[in-house]
PDB file of all heavy atoms in Angstrom:
ATOM      1  N   SER A   1      89.085 180.610 254.495  1.00  0.00           N
ATOM      2  CA  SER A   1      88.998 181.959 254.827  1.00  0.00           C
ATOM      3  C   SER A   1      88.303 182.279 256.099  1.00  0.00           C
ATOM      4  O   SER A   1      87.379 181.669 256.534  1.00  0.00           O
ATOM      5  CB  SER A   1      88.209 182.621 253.635  1.00  0.00           C
ATOM      6  OG  SER A   1      87.977 183.993 253.893  1.00  0.00           O
ATOM      7  N   GLY A   2      88.979 183.286 256.845  1.00  0.00           N
ATOM      8  CA  GLY A   2      88.360 183.493 258.215  1.00  0.00           C
ATOM      9  C   GLY A   2      89.195 182.868 259.282  1.00  0.00           C
ATOM     10  O   GLY A   2      88.880 183.178 260.394  1.00  0.00           O
ATOM     11  N   GLY A   3      89.932 181.886 258.924  1.00  0.00           N
ATOM     12  CA  GLY A   3      90.754 181.220 259.906  1.00  0.00           C
ATOM     13  C   GLY A   3      89.960 180.269 260.789  1.00  0.00           C
ATOM     14  O   GLY A   3      88.797 179.960 260.500  1.00  0.00           O
ATOM     15  N   CYS A   4      90.445 179.899 261.983  1.00  0.00           N
ATOM     16  CA  CYS A   4      89.799 179.016 262.884  1.00  0.00           C
ATOM     17  C   CYS A   4      89.832 179.516 264.290  1.00  0.00           C
ATOM     18  O   CYS A   4      90.498 178.848 265.181  1.00  0.00           O
ATOM     19  CB  CYS A   4      90.469 177.592 262.759  1.00  0.00           C
ATOM     20  SG  CYS A   4      90.443 176.804 261.115  1.00  0.00           S
ATOM     21  N   PRO A   5      89.340 180.722 264.585  1.00  0.00           N
ATOM     22  CA  PRO A   5      89.449 181.228 265.913  1.00  0.00           C
ATOM     23  C   PRO A   5      88.731 180.445 267.024  1.00  0.00           C
ATOM     24  O   PRO A   5      89.267 180.368 268.190  1.00  0.00           O
ATOM     25  CB  PRO A   5      88.787 182.611 265.778  1.00  0.00           C
ATOM     26  CG  PRO A   5      87.929 182.540 264.622  1.00  0.00           C
ATOM     27  CD  PRO A   5      88.622 181.531 263.649  1.00  0.00           C
ATOM     28  N   VAL A   6      87.688 179.768 266.709  1.00  0.00           N
ATOM     29  CA  VAL A   6      86.996 178.996 267.739  1.00  0.00           C
ATOM     30  C   VAL A   6      87.818 177.770 268.016  1.00  0.00           C
ATOM     31  O   VAL A   6      87.943 177.377 269.219  1.00  0.00           O
ATOM     32  CB  VAL A   6      85.538 178.543 267.201  1.00  0.00           C
ATOM     33  CG1 VAL A   6      84.896 177.630 268.233  1.00  0.00           C
ATOM     34  CG2 VAL A   6      84.680 179.747 266.815  1.00  0.00           C
ATOM     35  N   THR A   7      88.380 177.125 267.081  1.00  0.00           N
ATOM     36  CA  THR A   7      89.273 175.958 267.315  1.00  0.00           C
ATOM     37  C   THR A   7      90.441 176.399 268.283  1.00  0.00           C
ATOM     38  O   THR A   7      90.737 175.678 269.233  1.00  0.00           O
ATOM     39  CB  THR A   7      89.804 175.483 265.953  1.00  0.00           C
ATOM     40  OG1 THR A   7      88.721 174.945 265.201  1.00  0.00           O
ATOM     41  CG2 THR A   7      90.832 174.329 266.224  1.00  0.00           C
ATOM     42  N   GLU A   8      91.090 177.586 267.974  1.00  0.00           N
ATOM     43  CA  GLU A   8      92.211 177.923 268.714  1.00  0.00           C
ATOM     44  C   GLU A   8      91.715 178.252 270.220  1.00  0.00           C
ATOM     45  O   GLU A   8      92.453 177.880 271.189  1.00  0.00           O
ATOM     46  CB  GLU A   8      92.820 179.194 268.188  1.00  0.00           C
ATOM     47  CG  GLU A   8      93.512 178.949 266.861  1.00  0.00           C
ATOM     48  CD  GLU A   8      93.959 180.141 266.103  1.00  0.00           C
ATOM     49  OE1 GLU A   8      94.031 181.294 266.816  1.00  0.00           O
ATOM     50  OE2 GLU A   8      94.217 180.175 264.872  1.00  0.00           O
ATOM     51  N   ASP A   9      90.569 178.811 270.402  1.00  0.00           N
ATOM     52  CA  ASP A   9      90.107 179.110 271.744  1.00  0.00           C
ATOM     53  C   ASP A   9      89.714 177.810 272.396  1.00  0.00           C
ATOM     54  O   ASP A   9      90.133 177.557 273.625  1.00  0.00           O
ATOM     55  CB  ASP A   9      88.787 179.981 271.595  1.00  0.00           C
ATOM     56  CG  ASP A   9      88.108 180.264 272.878  1.00  0.00           C
ATOM     57  OD1 ASP A   9      88.810 180.747 273.805  1.00  0.00           O
ATOM     58  OD2 ASP A   9      86.924 179.854 273.070  1.00  0.00           O
ATOM     59  N   ILE A  10      88.990 176.805 271.806  1.00  0.00           N
ATOM     60  CA  ILE A  10      88.520 175.675 272.482  1.00  0.00           C
ATOM     61  C   ILE A  10      89.737 174.759 272.834  1.00  0.00           C
ATOM     62  O   ILE A  10      89.802 174.184 273.973  1.00  0.00           O
ATOM     63  CB  ILE A  10      87.663 174.864 271.421  1.00  0.00           C
ATOM     64  CG1 ILE A  10      86.337 175.534 271.228  1.00  0.00           C
ATOM     65  CG2 ILE A  10      87.434 173.400 271.992  1.00  0.00           C
ATOM     66  CD1 ILE A  10      85.485 175.704 272.426  1.00  0.00           C
ATOM     67  N   ALA A  11      90.712 174.744 271.968  1.00  0.00           N
ATOM     68  CA  ALA A  11      91.922 173.875 272.211  1.00  0.00           C
ATOM     69  C   ALA A  11      92.656 174.300 273.544  1.00  0.00           C
ATOM     70  O   ALA A  11      93.199 173.465 274.208  1.00  0.00           O
ATOM     71  CB  ALA A  11      92.879 173.838 271.085  1.00  0.00           C
ATOM     72  N   ASP A  12      92.505 175.647 273.799  1.00  0.00           N
ATOM     73  CA  ASP A  12      93.249 176.094 275.072  1.00  0.00           C
ATOM     74  C   ASP A  12      92.410 175.851 276.335  1.00  0.00           C
ATOM     75  O   ASP A  12      92.980 176.001 277.423  1.00  0.00           O
ATOM     76  CB  ASP A  12      93.472 177.574 274.918  1.00  0.00           C
ATOM     77  CG  ASP A  12      94.652 177.935 273.968  1.00  0.00           C
ATOM     78  OD1 ASP A  12      95.441 177.053 273.718  1.00  0.00           O
ATOM     79  OD2 ASP A  12      94.826 179.119 273.622  1.00  0.00           O
ATOM     80  N   ARG A  13      91.145 175.562 276.142  1.00  0.00           N
ATOM     81  CA  ARG A  13      90.331 175.529 277.326  1.00  0.00           C
ATOM     82  C   ARG A  13      89.766 174.196 277.762  1.00  0.00           C
ATOM     83  O   ARG A  13      89.262 174.057 278.796  1.00  0.00           O
ATOM     84  CB  ARG A  13      89.114 176.550 277.235  1.00  0.00           C
ATOM     85  CG  ARG A  13      89.553 177.915 276.948  1.00  0.00           C
ATOM     86  CD  ARG A  13      88.366 178.954 277.028  1.00  0.00           C
ATOM     87  NE  ARG A  13      87.436 178.819 276.029  1.00  0.00           N
ATOM     88  CZ  ARG A  13      86.175 178.575 276.105  1.00  0.00           C
ATOM     89  NH1 ARG A  13      85.700 178.220 277.349  1.00  0.00           N
ATOM     90  NH2 ARG A  13      85.389 178.534 275.091  1.00  0.00           N
ATOM     91  N   LEU A  14      89.908 173.167 276.826  1.00  0.00           N
ATOM     92  CA  LEU A  14      89.206 171.966 277.081  1.00  0.00           C
ATOM     93  C   LEU A  14      89.997 170.977 278.009  1.00  0.00           C
ATOM     94  O   LEU A  14      91.242 170.855 277.874  1.00  0.00           O
ATOM     95  CB  LEU A  14      88.964 171.233 275.715  1.00  0.00           C
ATOM     96  CG  LEU A  14      88.076 169.971 275.736  1.00  0.00           C
ATOM     97  CD1 LEU A  14      87.168 169.954 274.370  1.00  0.00           C
ATOM     98  CD2 LEU A  14      88.946 168.725 275.769  1.00  0.00           C
ATOM     99  N   VAL A  15      89.237 170.277 278.814  1.00  0.00           N
ATOM    100  CA  VAL A  15      89.719 169.228 279.705  1.00  0.00           C
ATOM    101  C   VAL A  15      88.973 168.048 279.735  1.00  0.00           C
ATOM    102  O   VAL A  15      87.680 168.194 279.846  1.00  0.00           O
ATOM    103  CB  VAL A  15      89.906 169.759 281.125  1.00  0.00           C
ATOM    104  CG1 VAL A  15      90.465 168.555 282.100  1.00  0.00           C
ATOM    105  CG2 VAL A  15      90.827 170.886 281.339  1.00  0.00           C
ATOM    106  N   ARG A  16      89.542 166.871 279.516  1.00  0.00           N
ATOM    107  CA  ARG A  16      88.735 165.646 279.549  1.00  0.00           C
ATOM    108  C   ARG A  16      88.957 164.914 280.888  1.00  0.00           C
ATOM    109  O   ARG A  16      90.044 164.796 281.398  1.00  0.00           O
ATOM    110  CB  ARG A  16      89.167 164.695 278.383  1.00  0.00           C
ATOM    111  CG  ARG A  16      88.963 165.168 276.978  1.00  0.00           C
ATOM    112  CD  ARG A  16      89.414 164.218 275.939  1.00  0.00           C
ATOM    113  NE  ARG A  16      90.981 164.187 275.960  1.00  0.00           N
ATOM    114  CZ  ARG A  16      91.672 163.278 275.426  1.00  0.00           C
ATOM    115  NH1 ARG A  16      91.054 162.233 274.858  1.00  0.00           N
ATOM    116  NH2 ARG A  16      92.939 163.332 275.381  1.00  0.00           N
ATOM    117  N   LEU A  17      87.735 164.486 281.416  1.00  0.00           N
ATOM    118  CA  LEU A  17      87.819 163.770 282.670  1.00  0.00           C
ATOM    119  C   LEU A  17      87.948 162.201 282.518  1.00  0.00           C
ATOM    120  O   LEU A  17      87.508 161.828 281.394  1.00  0.00           O
ATOM    121  CB  LEU A  17      86.528 164.033 283.503  1.00  0.00           C
ATOM    122  CG  LEU A  17      86.218 165.417 283.866  1.00  0.00           C
ATOM    123  CD1 LEU A  17      84.966 165.588 284.642  1.00  0.00           C
ATOM    124  CD2 LEU A  17      87.408 166.117 284.706  1.00  0.00           C
ATOM    125  N   PRO A  18      88.347 161.540 283.408  1.00  0.00           N
ATOM    126  CA  PRO A  18      88.402 160.057 283.218  1.00  0.00           C
ATOM    127  C   PRO A  18      87.034 159.506 282.898  1.00  0.00           C
ATOM    128  O   PRO A  18      86.004 159.841 283.595  1.00  0.00           O
ATOM    129  CB  PRO A  18      88.849 159.550 284.660  1.00  0.00           C
ATOM    130  CG  PRO A  18      89.570 160.637 285.236  1.00  0.00           C
ATOM    131  CD  PRO A  18      88.891 161.922 284.736  1.00  0.00           C
ATOM    132  N   LEU A  19      86.947 158.688 281.946  1.00  0.00           N
ATOM    133  CA  LEU A  19      85.724 157.977 281.595  1.00  0.00           C
ATOM    134  C   LEU A  19      86.027 156.674 280.876  1.00  0.00           C
ATOM    135  O   LEU A  19      86.571 156.562 279.836  1.00  0.00           O
ATOM    136  CB  LEU A  19      84.864 158.879 280.642  1.00  0.00           C
ATOM    137  CG  LEU A  19      83.545 158.257 280.090  1.00  0.00           C
ATOM    138  CD1 LEU A  19      82.603 158.067 281.219  1.00  0.00           C
ATOM    139  CD2 LEU A  19      82.929 159.250 279.046  1.00  0.00           C
ATOM    140  N   PHE A  20      85.595 155.598 281.631  1.00  0.00           N
ATOM    141  CA  PHE A  20      85.775 154.191 281.111  1.00  0.00           C
ATOM    142  C   PHE A  20      84.779 153.292 281.649  1.00  0.00           C
ATOM    143  O   PHE A  20      84.137 153.627 282.718  1.00  0.00           O
ATOM    144  CB  PHE A  20      87.234 153.734 281.324  1.00  0.00           C
ATOM    145  CG  PHE A  20      87.718 154.037 282.778  1.00  0.00           C
ATOM    146  CD1 PHE A  20      87.417 153.127 283.773  1.00  0.00           C
ATOM    147  CD2 PHE A  20      88.441 155.160 283.046  1.00  0.00           C
ATOM    148  CE1 PHE A  20      87.956 153.398 285.007  1.00  0.00           C
ATOM    149  CE2 PHE A  20      88.990 155.449 284.293  1.00  0.00           C
ATOM    150  CZ  PHE A  20      88.730 154.577 285.352  1.00  0.00           C
ATOM    151  N   ALA A  21      84.511 152.170 281.169  1.00  0.00           N
ATOM    152  CA  ALA A  21      83.443 151.298 281.517  1.00  0.00           C
ATOM    153  C   ALA A  21      83.527 150.707 282.937  1.00  0.00           C
ATOM    154  O   ALA A  21      82.558 150.633 283.656  1.00  0.00           O
ATOM    155  CB  ALA A  21      83.328 150.028 280.554  1.00  0.00           C
ATOM    156  N   ASP A  22      84.724 150.716 283.522  1.00  0.00           N
ATOM    157  CA  ASP A  22      84.938 150.111 284.839  1.00  0.00           C
ATOM    158  C   ASP A  22      85.164 151.278 285.817  1.00  0.00           C
ATOM    159  O   ASP A  22      85.665 151.058 287.007  1.00  0.00           O
ATOM    160  CB  ASP A  22      86.231 149.228 284.914  1.00  0.00           C
ATOM    161  CG  ASP A  22      85.922 147.947 284.104  1.00  0.00           C
ATOM    162  OD1 ASP A  22      84.815 147.585 283.842  1.00  0.00           O
ATOM    163  OD2 ASP A  22      86.950 147.363 283.652  1.00  0.00           O
ATOM    164  N   LEU A  23      84.722 152.505 285.573  1.00  0.00           N
ATOM    165  CA  LEU A  23      84.777 153.652 286.501  1.00  0.00           C
ATOM    166  C   LEU A  23      83.616 153.327 287.386  1.00  0.00           C
ATOM    167  O   LEU A  23      82.493 153.556 287.064  1.00  0.00           O
ATOM    168  CB  LEU A  23      84.538 154.929 285.753  1.00  0.00           C
ATOM    169  CG  LEU A  23      84.681 156.188 286.473  1.00  0.00           C
ATOM    170  CD1 LEU A  23      86.144 156.494 286.709  1.00  0.00           C
ATOM    171  CD2 LEU A  23      84.049 157.417 285.668  1.00  0.00           C
ATOM    172  N   ASP A  24      83.981 153.002 288.658  1.00  0.00           N
ATOM    173  CA  ASP A  24      83.062 152.598 289.676  1.00  0.00           C
ATOM    174  C   ASP A  24      82.468 153.931 290.460  1.00  0.00           C
ATOM    175  O   ASP A  24      82.991 154.979 290.241  1.00  0.00           O
ATOM    176  CB  ASP A  24      83.478 151.544 290.565  1.00  0.00           C
ATOM    177  CG  ASP A  24      84.635 151.978 291.452  1.00  0.00           C
ATOM    178  OD1 ASP A  24      84.866 153.152 291.583  1.00  0.00           O
ATOM    179  OD2 ASP A  24      85.423 151.028 291.768  1.00  0.00           O
ATOM    180  N   GLU A  25      81.493 153.587 291.265  1.00  0.00           N
ATOM    181  CA  GLU A  25      80.931 154.810 292.039  1.00  0.00           C
ATOM    182  C   GLU A  25      81.988 155.510 292.885  1.00  0.00           C
ATOM    183  O   GLU A  25      81.909 156.665 293.018  1.00  0.00           O
ATOM    184  CB  GLU A  25      79.739 154.262 292.929  1.00  0.00           C
ATOM    185  CG  GLU A  25      78.993 155.311 293.623  1.00  0.00           C
ATOM    186  CD  GLU A  25      77.816 154.821 294.438  1.00  0.00           C
ATOM    187  OE1 GLU A  25      77.442 153.672 294.273  1.00  0.00           O
ATOM    188  OE2 GLU A  25      77.257 155.694 295.174  1.00  0.00           O
ATOM    189  N   ALA A  26      82.911 154.728 293.552  1.00  0.00           N
ATOM    190  CA  ALA A  26      83.944 155.378 294.336  1.00  0.00           C
ATOM    191  C   ALA A  26      84.888 156.227 293.506  1.00  0.00           C
ATOM    192  O   ALA A  26      85.208 157.352 293.961  1.00  0.00           O
ATOM    193  CB  ALA A  26      84.751 154.289 295.106  1.00  0.00           C
ATOM    194  N   ASP A  27      85.184 155.718 292.294  1.00  0.00           N
ATOM    195  CA  ASP A  27      86.005 156.610 291.326  1.00  0.00           C
ATOM    196  C   ASP A  27      85.279 157.853 290.984  1.00  0.00           C
ATOM    197  O   ASP A  27      85.866 158.938 291.019  1.00  0.00           O
ATOM    198  CB  ASP A  27      86.319 155.740 290.108  1.00  0.00           C
ATOM    199  CG  ASP A  27      87.221 154.588 290.242  1.00  0.00           C
ATOM    200  OD1 ASP A  27      88.121 154.695 291.285  1.00  0.00           O
ATOM    201  OD2 ASP A  27      87.294 153.613 289.541  1.00  0.00           O
ATOM    202  N   MET A  28      84.042 157.726 290.646  1.00  0.00           N
ATOM    203  CA  MET A  28      83.299 158.838 290.183  1.00  0.00           C
ATOM    204  C   MET A  28      83.234 159.891 291.322  1.00  0.00           C
ATOM    205  O   MET A  28      83.280 161.126 291.088  1.00  0.00           O
ATOM    206  CB  MET A  28      81.865 158.444 289.712  1.00  0.00           C
ATOM    207  CG  MET A  28      81.884 157.861 288.279  1.00  0.00           C
ATOM    208  SD  MET A  28      80.116 157.949 287.707  1.00  0.00           S
ATOM    209  CE  MET A  28      79.682 159.660 287.816  1.00  0.00           C
ATOM    210  N   THR A  29      82.870 159.382 292.437  1.00  0.00           N
ATOM    211  CA  THR A  29      82.754 160.305 293.613  1.00  0.00           C
ATOM    212  C   THR A  29      84.036 161.037 293.926  1.00  0.00           C
ATOM    213  O   THR A  29      84.030 162.324 294.134  1.00  0.00           O
ATOM    214  CB  THR A  29      82.305 159.559 294.938  1.00  0.00           C
ATOM    215  OG1 THR A  29      81.013 158.948 294.705  1.00  0.00           O
ATOM    216  CG2 THR A  29      82.173 160.506 296.099  1.00  0.00           C
ATOM    217  N   HIS A  30      85.082 160.323 293.692  1.00  0.00           N
ATOM    218  CA  HIS A  30      86.476 161.011 293.941  1.00  0.00           C
ATOM    219  C   HIS A  30      86.762 162.001 292.905  1.00  0.00           C
ATOM    220  O   HIS A  30      87.136 163.048 293.173  1.00  0.00           O
ATOM    221  CB  HIS A  30      87.532 159.878 293.944  1.00  0.00           C
ATOM    222  CG  HIS A  30      88.848 160.485 294.271  1.00  0.00           C
ATOM    223  ND1 HIS A  30      89.295 160.894 295.532  1.00  0.00           N
ATOM    224  CD2 HIS A  30      90.002 160.698 293.465  1.00  0.00           C
ATOM    225  CE1 HIS A  30      90.526 161.223 295.487  1.00  0.00           C
ATOM    226  NE2 HIS A  30      90.912 161.200 294.296  1.00  0.00           N
ATOM    227  N   VAL A  31      86.391 161.764 291.627  1.00  0.00           N
ATOM    228  CA  VAL A  31      86.654 162.762 290.523  1.00  0.00           C
ATOM    229  C   VAL A  31      85.782 163.914 290.790  1.00  0.00           C
ATOM    230  O   VAL A  31      86.190 165.095 290.665  1.00  0.00           O
ATOM    231  CB  VAL A  31      86.343 162.072 289.152  1.00  0.00           C
ATOM    232  CG1 VAL A  31      86.425 163.189 288.058  1.00  0.00           C
ATOM    233  CG2 VAL A  31      87.326 160.986 288.903  1.00  0.00           C
ATOM    234  N   ILE A  32      84.495 163.742 291.068  1.00  0.00           N
ATOM    235  CA  ILE A  32      83.549 164.867 291.262  1.00  0.00           C
ATOM    236  C   ILE A  32      83.894 165.723 292.384  1.00  0.00           C
ATOM    237  O   ILE A  32      83.978 166.939 292.323  1.00  0.00           O
ATOM    238  CB  ILE A  32      82.113 164.297 291.471  1.00  0.00           C
ATOM    239  CG1 ILE A  32      81.600 163.661 290.128  1.00  0.00           C
ATOM    240  CG2 ILE A  32      81.120 165.373 291.862  1.00  0.00           C
ATOM    241  CD1 ILE A  32      80.342 162.769 290.256  1.00  0.00           C
ATOM    242  N   ASP A  33      84.301 165.066 293.509  1.00  0.00           N
ATOM    243  CA  ASP A  33      84.746 165.905 294.669  1.00  0.00           C
ATOM    244  C   ASP A  33      86.014 166.657 294.312  1.00  0.00           C
ATOM    245  O   ASP A  33      86.106 167.873 294.751  1.00  0.00           O
ATOM    246  CB  ASP A  33      85.031 164.958 295.903  1.00  0.00           C
ATOM    247  CG  ASP A  33      83.880 164.336 296.510  1.00  0.00           C
ATOM    248  OD1 ASP A  33      82.679 164.892 296.158  1.00  0.00           O
ATOM    249  OD2 ASP A  33      83.925 163.346 297.274  1.00  0.00           O
ATOM    250  N   ALA A  34      86.971 166.084 293.549  1.00  0.00           N
ATOM    251  CA  ALA A  34      88.119 166.814 293.227  1.00  0.00           C
ATOM    252  C   ALA A  34      87.793 168.042 292.280  1.00  0.00           C
ATOM    253  O   ALA A  34      88.292 169.154 292.524  1.00  0.00           O
ATOM    254  CB  ALA A  34      89.086 165.841 292.505  1.00  0.00           C
ATOM    255  N   VAL A  35      86.844 167.872 291.357  1.00  0.00           N
ATOM    256  CA  VAL A  35      86.417 168.975 290.481  1.00  0.00           C
ATOM    257  C   VAL A  35      85.836 170.050 291.327  1.00  0.00           C
ATOM    258  O   VAL A  35      86.141 171.252 291.099  1.00  0.00           O
ATOM    259  CB  VAL A  35      85.480 168.414 289.404  1.00  0.00           C
ATOM    260  CG1 VAL A  35      84.921 169.530 288.555  1.00  0.00           C
ATOM    261  CG2 VAL A  35      86.222 167.515 288.394  1.00  0.00           C
ATOM    262  N   GLN A  36      84.913 169.632 292.187  1.00  0.00           N
ATOM    263  CA  GLN A  36      84.160 170.620 292.858  1.00  0.00           C
ATOM    264  C   GLN A  36      84.922 171.502 293.895  1.00  0.00           C
ATOM    265  O   GLN A  36      84.508 172.615 294.354  1.00  0.00           O
ATOM    266  CB  GLN A  36      82.971 169.983 293.624  1.00  0.00           C
ATOM    267  CG  GLN A  36      81.975 169.504 292.661  1.00  0.00           C
ATOM    268  CD  GLN A  36      80.856 168.672 293.248  1.00  0.00           C
ATOM    269  OE1 GLN A  36      80.971 168.157 294.366  1.00  0.00           O
ATOM    270  NE2 GLN A  36      79.667 168.730 292.630  1.00  0.00           N
ATOM    271  N   THR A  37      86.127 170.985 294.188  1.00  0.00           N
ATOM    272  CA  THR A  37      86.961 171.770 295.067  1.00  0.00           C
ATOM    273  C   THR A  37      87.890 172.828 294.335  1.00  0.00           C
ATOM    274  O   THR A  37      88.604 173.616 295.014  1.00  0.00           O
ATOM    275  CB  THR A  37      87.984 170.907 295.931  1.00  0.00           C
ATOM    276  OG1 THR A  37      88.728 170.127 295.062  1.00  0.00           O
ATOM    277  CG2 THR A  37      87.192 169.988 296.916  1.00  0.00           C
ATOM    278  N   TYR A  38      87.726 172.895 293.032  1.00  0.00           N
ATOM    279  CA  TYR A  38      88.460 173.906 292.256  1.00  0.00           C
ATOM    280  C   TYR A  38      87.635 175.052 292.162  1.00  0.00           C
ATOM    281  O   TYR A  38      86.385 175.096 291.778  1.00  0.00           O
ATOM    282  CB  TYR A  38      88.868 173.364 290.915  1.00  0.00           C
ATOM    283  CG  TYR A  38      89.644 174.361 290.077  1.00  0.00           C
ATOM    284  CD1 TYR A  38      90.981 174.570 290.295  1.00  0.00           C
ATOM    285  CD2 TYR A  38      89.045 175.149 289.083  1.00  0.00           C
ATOM    286  CE1 TYR A  38      91.694 175.495 289.497  1.00  0.00           C
ATOM    287  CE2 TYR A  38      89.672 176.078 288.297  1.00  0.00           C
ATOM    288  CZ  TYR A  38      91.047 176.213 288.673  1.00  0.00           C
ATOM    289  OH  TYR A  38      91.755 177.200 287.893  1.00  0.00           O
ATOM    290  N   ARG A  39      88.216 176.313 292.225  1.00  0.00           N
ATOM    291  CA  ARG A  39      87.482 177.509 291.985  1.00  0.00           C
ATOM    292  C   ARG A  39      88.223 178.303 290.923  1.00  0.00           C
ATOM    293  O   ARG A  39      89.489 178.531 291.014  1.00  0.00           O
ATOM    294  CB  ARG A  39      87.476 178.391 293.373  1.00  0.00           C
ATOM    295  CG  ARG A  39      86.744 177.694 294.482  1.00  0.00           C
ATOM    296  CD  ARG A  39      85.318 177.709 294.184  1.00  0.00           C
ATOM    297  NE  ARG A  39      84.533 177.081 295.295  1.00  0.00           N
ATOM    298  CZ  ARG A  39      84.212 175.729 295.333  1.00  0.00           C
ATOM    299  NH1 ARG A  39      84.625 175.001 294.297  1.00  0.00           N
ATOM    300  NH2 ARG A  39      83.612 175.266 296.293  1.00  0.00           N
ATOM    301  N   VAL A  40      87.481 178.727 289.920  1.00  0.00           N
ATOM    302  CA  VAL A  40      88.050 179.454 288.883  1.00  0.00           C
ATOM    303  C   VAL A  40      88.488 180.762 289.323  1.00  0.00           C
ATOM    304  O   VAL A  40      87.853 181.504 290.152  1.00  0.00           O
ATOM    305  CB  VAL A  40      86.939 179.571 287.664  1.00  0.00           C
ATOM    306  CG1 VAL A  40      87.506 180.671 286.745  1.00  0.00           C
ATOM    307  CG2 VAL A  40      86.721 178.254 287.079  1.00  0.00           C
ATOM    308  N   SER A  41      89.741 181.178 288.902  1.00  0.00           N
ATOM    309  CA  SER A  41      90.411 182.389 289.409  1.00  0.00           C
ATOM    310  C   SER A  41      89.919 183.637 288.475  1.00  0.00           C
ATOM    311  O   SER A  41      89.514 183.447 287.406  1.00  0.00           O
ATOM    312  CB  SER A  41      91.848 182.276 289.354  1.00  0.00           C
ATOM    313  OG  SER A  41      92.308 182.048 288.138  1.00  0.00           O
TER     314      SER A  41
END
């Protein structure tokens, strides 16, 4: 009862970033730089 409005909202907005044990500093820096160049419209 009441449905799942939060689930529907979250599913549309969630993004997972690369994360694994061999993610080195260069990989992380590249991902962070790529994220930080995005501007929400």
